[in-house]
C-alpha atoms as a PDB file:
ATOM      1  CA  MET A   1      14.712  -0.536 -22.273  1.00  0.00           C
ATOM      2  CA  LEU A   2      16.458  -4.201 -21.645  1.00  0.00           C
ATOM      3  CA  PRO A   3      16.104  -5.453 -18.176  1.00  0.00           C
ATOM      4  CA  ASN A   4      19.395  -6.247 -16.865  1.00  0.00           C
ATOM      5  CA  PRO A   5      19.999  -9.447 -16.883  1.00  0.00           C
ATOM      6  CA  ASN A   6      21.422  -9.736 -13.328  1.00  0.00           C
ATOM      7  CA  LEU A   7      17.978  -8.336 -11.937  1.00  0.00           C
ATOM      8  CA  THR A   8      16.102 -11.302 -13.476  1.00  0.00           C
ATOM      9  CA  LYS A   9      17.661 -13.451 -10.865  1.00  0.00           C
ATOM     10  CA  LEU A  10      15.460 -12.054  -8.223  1.00  0.00           C
ATOM     11  CA  LYS A  11      12.523 -13.648  -8.902  1.00  0.00           C
ATOM     12  CA  TYR A  12      11.515 -13.368  -5.176  1.00  0.00           C
ATOM     13  CA  ILE A  13      10.949  -9.775  -5.348  1.00  0.00           C
ATOM     14  CA  SER A  14      10.970  -9.220  -8.732  1.00  0.00           C
ATOM     15  CA  ASN A  15       7.604  -7.344  -8.068  1.00  0.00           C
ATOM     16  CA  TYR A  16       8.951  -4.902  -5.877  1.00  0.00           C
ATOM     17  CA  PRO A  17       9.553  -1.254  -6.514  1.00  0.00           C
ATOM     18  CA  GLY A  18      12.972  -0.970  -8.745  1.00  0.00           C
ATOM     19  CA  SER A  19      14.474   0.926  -6.323  1.00  0.00           C
ATOM     20  CA  ILE A  20      14.280  -1.658  -4.221  1.00  0.00           C
ATOM     21  CA  ILE A  21      15.257  -4.574  -6.552  1.00  0.00           C
ATOM     22  CA  GLU A  22      18.287  -2.165  -7.448  1.00  0.00           C
ATOM     23  CA  SER A  23      19.248  -2.015  -3.734  1.00  0.00           C
ATOM     24  CA  VAL A  24      19.607  -5.375  -2.958  1.00  0.00           C
ATOM     25  CA  GLN A  25      21.453  -6.171  -6.358  1.00  0.00           C
ATOM     26  CA  HIS A  26      23.678  -3.668  -5.396  1.00  0.00           C
ATOM     27  CA  LEU A  27      24.275  -5.310  -2.068  1.00  0.00           C
ATOM     28  CA  ILE A  28      24.415  -8.670  -3.623  1.00  0.00           C
ATOM     29  CA  ASP A  29      27.283  -7.597  -6.023  1.00  0.00           C
ATOM     30  CA  THR A  30      29.071  -5.576  -3.301  1.00  0.00           C
ATOM     31  CA  LYS A  31      28.829  -8.928  -0.985  1.00  0.00           C
ATOM     32  CA  LYS A  32      27.292  -7.223   1.865  1.00  0.00           C
ATOM     33  CA  LEU A  33      23.494  -8.713   2.113  1.00  0.00           C
ATOM     34  CA  THR A  34      24.707 -11.433   4.229  1.00  0.00           C
ATOM     35  CA  ALA A  35      25.680  -8.835   6.747  1.00  0.00           C
ATOM     36  CA  TYR A  36      22.670  -6.473   6.463  1.00  0.00           C
ATOM     37  CA  LEU A  37      20.514  -9.255   6.744  1.00  0.00           C
ATOM     38  CA  LYS A  38      22.300 -10.076  10.365  1.00  0.00           C
ATOM     39  CA  ASN A  39      22.089  -6.722  11.413  1.00  0.00           C
ATOM     40  CA  LYS A  40      18.743  -6.377  10.438  1.00  0.00           C
ATOM     41  CA  TYR A  41      17.480  -9.626  11.941  1.00  0.00           C
ATOM     42  CA  PRO A  42      20.118 -10.474  14.160  1.00  0.00           C
ATOM     43  CA  HIS A  43      17.993 -13.689  15.798  1.00  0.00           C
ATOM     44  CA  PRO A  44      17.384 -15.778  12.724  1.00  0.00           C
ATOM     45  CA  HIS A  45      14.329 -18.248  13.222  1.00  0.00           C
ATOM     46  CA  HIS A  46      14.697 -22.223  14.008  1.00  0.00           C
ATOM     47  CA  PHE A  47      13.132 -23.393  10.700  1.00  0.00           C
ATOM     48  CA  ASN A  48      15.811 -25.061   8.726  1.00  0.00           C
ATOM     49  CA  ASN A  49      13.166 -26.648   6.379  1.00  0.00           C
ATOM     50  CA  ASP A  50      10.226 -26.580   4.892  1.00  0.00           C
ATOM     51  CA  LYS A  51       8.264 -29.044   6.118  1.00  0.00           C
ATOM     52  CA  LEU A  52       8.852 -27.313   9.720  1.00  0.00           C
ATOM     53  CA  LEU A  53       7.710 -24.184   8.367  1.00  0.00           C
ATOM     54  CA  ARG A  54       4.686 -25.219   6.951  1.00  0.00           C
ATOM     55  CA  GLU A  55       4.145 -27.087  10.157  1.00  0.00           C
ATOM     56  CA  TYR A  56       4.499 -23.983  12.524  1.00  0.00           C
ATOM     57  CA  VAL A  57       2.350 -21.646   9.830  1.00  0.00           C
ATOM     58  CA  LEU A  58      -1.020 -24.412  10.137  1.00  0.00           C
ATOM     59  CA  GLU A  59      -0.314 -24.330  13.935  1.00  0.00           C
ATOM     60  CA  LEU A  60      -0.651 -20.194  13.774  1.00  0.00           C
ATOM     61  CA  LYS A  61      -3.643 -20.634  11.569  1.00  0.00           C
ATOM     62  CA  ALA A  62      -5.083 -23.033  13.461  1.00  0.00           C
ATOM     63  CA  GLN A  63      -4.756 -21.215  16.713  1.00  0.00           C
ATOM     64  CA  PHE A  64      -5.957 -17.887  15.084  1.00  0.00           C
ATOM     65  CA  LEU A  65      -8.993 -19.315  12.942  1.00  0.00           C
ATOM     66  CA  LYS A  66     -10.742 -21.016  16.156  1.00  0.00           C
ATOM     67  CA  SER A  67     -10.362 -17.569  17.814  1.00  0.00           C
ATOM     68  CA  LEU A  68     -11.683 -15.858  14.811  1.00  0.00           C
ATOM     69  CA  ASN A  69     -14.804 -18.847  14.248  1.00  0.00           C
ATOM     70  CA  ARG A  70     -15.549 -18.438  18.365  1.00  0.00           C
ATOM     71  CA  SER A  71     -15.771 -14.500  18.058  1.00  0.00           C
ATOM     72  CA  VAL A  72     -17.963 -15.094  14.858  1.00  0.00           C
ATOM     73  CA  ARG A  73     -19.977 -17.352  16.413  1.00  0.00           C
ATOM     74  CA  LEU A  74     -20.678 -15.480  19.696  1.00  0.00           C
ATOM     75  CA  ASN A  75     -21.716 -12.331  17.757  1.00  0.00           C
ATOM     76  CA  THR A  76     -24.214 -14.596  15.542  1.00  0.00           C
ATOM     77  CA  THR A  77     -25.966 -16.564  17.984  1.00  0.00           C
ATOM     78  CA  THR A  78     -26.551 -13.274  19.730  1.00  0.00           C
ATOM     79  CA  ASN A  79     -30.164 -11.882  20.260  1.00  0.00           C
ATOM     80  CA  TYR A  80     -30.270  -8.403  19.871  1.00  0.00           C
ATOM     81  CA  MET A  81     -33.839  -6.708  21.033  1.00  0.00           C
ATOM     82  CA  LEU A  82     -35.168  -3.316  19.333  1.00  0.00           C
END
């Protein structure tokens, strides 16, 4: 079976199950994808470029990795007596 050429345009979801890809393709073909996404996610994020998104992710990473590292250090420095 030859792949549908329209489905190959969906590179970001190419590894999703076929049923999801077909549903997304149908929403695109019927021009309803934008309305669907606006309904599902009514509050869009404020990142309008890759740089802002990258900075936000790095801040989250630093915040959560610091707390993770702190808890790991506490656990490894605690002496348990048996």
